[in-house]
Every structure is written in C-alpha cells, then in structure tokens.
N, C-alpha and C. Protein backbone atom coordinates (compact mmCIF):
# COMPACT_ATOMS: atom_id res chain seq x y z
N MET A 1 0.82 -1.20 0.00
CA MET A 1 0.00 0.00 0.00
C MET A 1 0.86 1.26 0.00
N LEU A 2 2.04 1.14 0.57
CA LEU A 2 2.94 2.29 0.63
C LEU A 2 3.45 2.67 -0.75
N TYR A 3 3.54 1.70 -1.66
CA TYR A 3 4.01 1.99 -3.01
C TYR A 3 3.05 2.92 -3.74
N LEU A 4 1.75 2.87 -3.44
CA LEU A 4 0.80 3.80 -4.06
C LEU A 4 1.08 5.23 -3.63
N LEU A 5 1.47 5.40 -2.38
CA LEU A 5 1.85 6.73 -1.90
C LEU A 5 3.08 7.23 -2.64
N TYR A 6 4.06 6.36 -2.85
CA TYR A 6 5.27 6.74 -3.57
C TYR A 6 4.95 7.12 -5.02
N ILE A 7 4.07 6.39 -5.65
CA ILE A 7 3.67 6.72 -7.03
C ILE A 7 2.96 8.06 -7.06
N PHE A 8 2.07 8.28 -6.13
CA PHE A 8 1.34 9.55 -6.06
C PHE A 8 2.29 10.73 -5.82
N VAL A 9 3.21 10.58 -4.89
CA VAL A 9 4.18 11.65 -4.62
C VAL A 9 5.07 11.88 -5.84
N GLY A 10 5.46 10.82 -6.51
CA GLY A 10 6.26 10.95 -7.72
C GLY A 10 5.53 11.72 -8.81
N LEU A 11 4.26 11.43 -9.00
CA LEU A 11 3.47 12.16 -10.00
C LEU A 11 3.31 13.62 -9.62
N LEU A 12 3.11 13.89 -8.34
CA LEU A 12 3.03 15.28 -7.89
C LEU A 12 4.34 16.03 -8.16
N ILE A 13 5.45 15.37 -7.93
CA ILE A 13 6.75 15.99 -8.20
C ILE A 13 6.91 16.26 -9.69
N ILE A 14 6.54 15.30 -10.53
CA ILE A 14 6.67 15.48 -11.98
C ILE A 14 5.81 16.64 -12.46
N PHE A 15 4.56 16.69 -12.04
CA PHE A 15 3.68 17.78 -12.48
C PHE A 15 4.13 19.12 -11.91
N GLY A 16 4.59 19.13 -10.68
CA GLY A 16 5.06 20.38 -10.08
C GLY A 16 6.28 20.93 -10.79
N VAL A 17 7.23 20.07 -11.10
CA VAL A 17 8.43 20.51 -11.81
C VAL A 17 8.07 20.95 -13.22
N ASN A 18 7.15 20.24 -13.87
CA ASN A 18 6.73 20.63 -15.21
C ASN A 18 6.10 22.02 -15.20
N LEU A 19 5.22 22.29 -14.24
CA LEU A 19 4.59 23.61 -14.17
C LEU A 19 5.60 24.70 -13.82
N MET A 20 6.58 24.37 -12.98
CA MET A 20 7.60 25.35 -12.63
C MET A 20 8.46 25.70 -13.84
N ILE A 21 8.90 24.70 -14.59
CA ILE A 21 9.73 24.95 -15.77
C ILE A 21 8.92 25.69 -16.83
N THR A 22 7.67 25.31 -17.01
CA THR A 22 6.82 26.00 -17.98
C THR A 22 6.63 27.46 -17.59
N GLY A 23 6.44 27.73 -16.30
CA GLY A 23 6.32 29.11 -15.84
C GLY A 23 7.59 29.90 -16.06
N LEU A 24 8.74 29.29 -15.79
CA LEU A 24 10.00 29.98 -16.03
C LEU A 24 10.21 30.28 -17.51
N LEU A 25 9.87 29.32 -18.37
CA LEU A 25 10.00 29.56 -19.82
C LEU A 25 9.03 30.64 -20.28
N ALA A 26 7.85 30.68 -19.71
CA ALA A 26 6.88 31.71 -20.08
C ALA A 26 7.37 33.09 -19.66
N VAL A 27 7.95 33.19 -18.46
CA VAL A 27 8.50 34.48 -18.01
C VAL A 27 9.67 34.88 -18.89
N HIS A 28 10.51 33.92 -19.26
CA HIS A 28 11.64 34.21 -20.14
C HIS A 28 11.16 34.73 -21.49
N ASP A 29 10.19 34.04 -22.10
CA ASP A 29 9.64 34.49 -23.38
C ASP A 29 8.98 35.85 -23.26
N MET A 30 8.29 36.06 -22.16
CA MET A 30 7.58 37.32 -21.96
C MET A 30 8.57 38.49 -21.89
N TYR A 31 9.67 38.30 -21.20
CA TYR A 31 10.62 39.41 -21.04
C TYR A 31 11.60 39.54 -22.20
N THR A 32 11.84 38.47 -22.96
CA THR A 32 12.68 38.63 -24.15
C THR A 32 11.92 39.32 -25.27
N ARG A 33 10.60 39.25 -25.24
CA ARG A 33 9.77 39.91 -26.26
C ARG A 33 9.04 41.13 -25.69
N ARG A 34 9.61 41.75 -24.66
CA ARG A 34 8.94 42.88 -24.02
C ARG A 34 8.90 44.12 -24.89
N ASP A 35 9.75 44.19 -25.93
CA ASP A 35 9.68 45.33 -26.85
C ASP A 35 8.46 45.22 -27.77
N ASP A 36 8.07 43.99 -28.10
CA ASP A 36 6.92 43.77 -28.98
C ASP A 36 5.60 43.81 -28.22
N GLU A 37 5.59 43.25 -27.01
CA GLU A 37 4.36 43.16 -26.22
C GLU A 37 4.62 43.68 -24.81
N GLU A 38 3.59 44.24 -24.23
CA GLU A 38 3.70 44.71 -22.85
C GLU A 38 3.69 43.50 -21.91
N PRO A 39 4.63 43.43 -20.95
CA PRO A 39 4.66 42.27 -20.04
C PRO A 39 3.52 42.31 -19.02
N THR A 40 2.40 41.71 -19.39
CA THR A 40 1.24 41.65 -18.51
C THR A 40 0.92 40.18 -18.22
N PHE A 41 -0.09 39.97 -17.39
CA PHE A 41 -0.49 38.61 -17.07
C PHE A 41 -1.09 37.91 -18.29
N ASP A 42 -1.75 38.65 -19.17
CA ASP A 42 -2.28 38.05 -20.40
C ASP A 42 -1.16 37.53 -21.29
N THR A 43 -0.07 38.28 -21.37
CA THR A 43 1.09 37.82 -22.14
C THR A 43 1.68 36.58 -21.50
N PHE A 44 1.76 36.55 -20.17
CA PHE A 44 2.25 35.36 -19.47
C PHE A 44 1.37 34.16 -19.77
N LYS A 45 0.06 34.34 -19.74
CA LYS A 45 -0.86 33.23 -20.02
C LYS A 45 -0.66 32.70 -21.43
N LYS A 46 -0.44 33.60 -22.38
CA LYS A 46 -0.24 33.19 -23.77
C LYS A 46 1.01 32.31 -23.90
N TYR A 47 2.11 32.75 -23.32
CA TYR A 47 3.35 31.99 -23.42
C TYR A 47 3.33 30.74 -22.54
N PHE A 48 2.60 30.76 -21.44
CA PHE A 48 2.47 29.57 -20.61
C PHE A 48 1.74 28.48 -21.38
N ALA A 49 0.67 28.83 -22.06
CA ALA A 49 -0.08 27.84 -22.84
C ALA A 49 0.75 27.34 -24.01
N LYS A 50 1.59 28.21 -24.58
CA LYS A 50 2.43 27.81 -25.71
C LYS A 50 3.53 26.85 -25.26
N ASN A 51 4.13 27.08 -24.10
CA ASN A 51 5.28 26.30 -23.65
C ASN A 51 4.91 25.01 -22.93
N ASN A 52 3.66 24.84 -22.55
CA ASN A 52 3.28 23.66 -21.77
C ASN A 52 3.32 22.42 -22.64
N ASN A 53 3.96 21.36 -22.14
CA ASN A 53 4.07 20.13 -22.91
C ASN A 53 3.25 18.99 -22.30
N ILE A 54 2.71 19.16 -21.12
CA ILE A 54 1.81 18.17 -20.53
C ILE A 54 0.46 18.84 -20.34
N PRO A 55 -0.55 18.47 -21.12
CA PRO A 55 -1.85 19.13 -20.98
C PRO A 55 -2.50 18.77 -19.64
N THR A 56 -2.75 19.78 -18.86
CA THR A 56 -3.43 19.59 -17.58
C THR A 56 -4.58 20.58 -17.51
N LYS A 57 -5.47 20.37 -16.59
CA LYS A 57 -6.58 21.30 -16.42
C LYS A 57 -6.08 22.68 -16.01
N MET A 58 -4.98 22.73 -15.27
CA MET A 58 -4.45 24.02 -14.83
C MET A 58 -3.99 24.86 -16.01
N SER A 59 -3.37 24.22 -17.02
CA SER A 59 -2.91 24.98 -18.17
C SER A 59 -4.05 25.26 -19.14
N ASP A 60 -5.11 24.46 -19.10
CA ASP A 60 -6.24 24.71 -19.98
C ASP A 60 -7.00 25.97 -19.57
N ILE A 61 -6.80 26.42 -18.34
CA ILE A 61 -7.42 27.67 -17.90
C ILE A 61 -6.93 28.82 -18.76
N PHE A 62 -5.67 28.75 -19.19
CA PHE A 62 -5.05 29.85 -19.91
C PHE A 62 -5.36 29.83 -21.41
N ASN A 63 -5.99 28.80 -21.91
CA ASN A 63 -6.30 28.75 -23.35
C ASN A 63 -7.60 29.43 -23.65
C-alpha cells in the first residue's frame, strides 16, 4: 500500500516541476519579447499555454 503513496508523490513531483519549468519559460519568453508586447499577465498566459508540454486542467485555464 505504501508503493501507491510513492507513485502519487512521484506524479506530484513530476507535475510540479513541469509547471515550474513552464512558468520559467513563459516568463523568459515574456521578457525577451517585451519590446513587442507589454509584459502583462495576459502575455504570461499566452506563453504559458504555448510552452506547456503536458496538458493539464491548470494549463487549460489559460487557453
């Protein structure tokens, strides 16, 4: 039964790291293109949805 907990914690770590890296890439894209677009939350949402490679409900909010 303990192995199910390990699998669950592992999946949480994978999704958490994925969302963190996606957020960092979105911030990077947002600030490298700040001359073309104003760095707002809408711009962050656009690049977050573009950079996400694991479709989750959390990232579907931004589409």
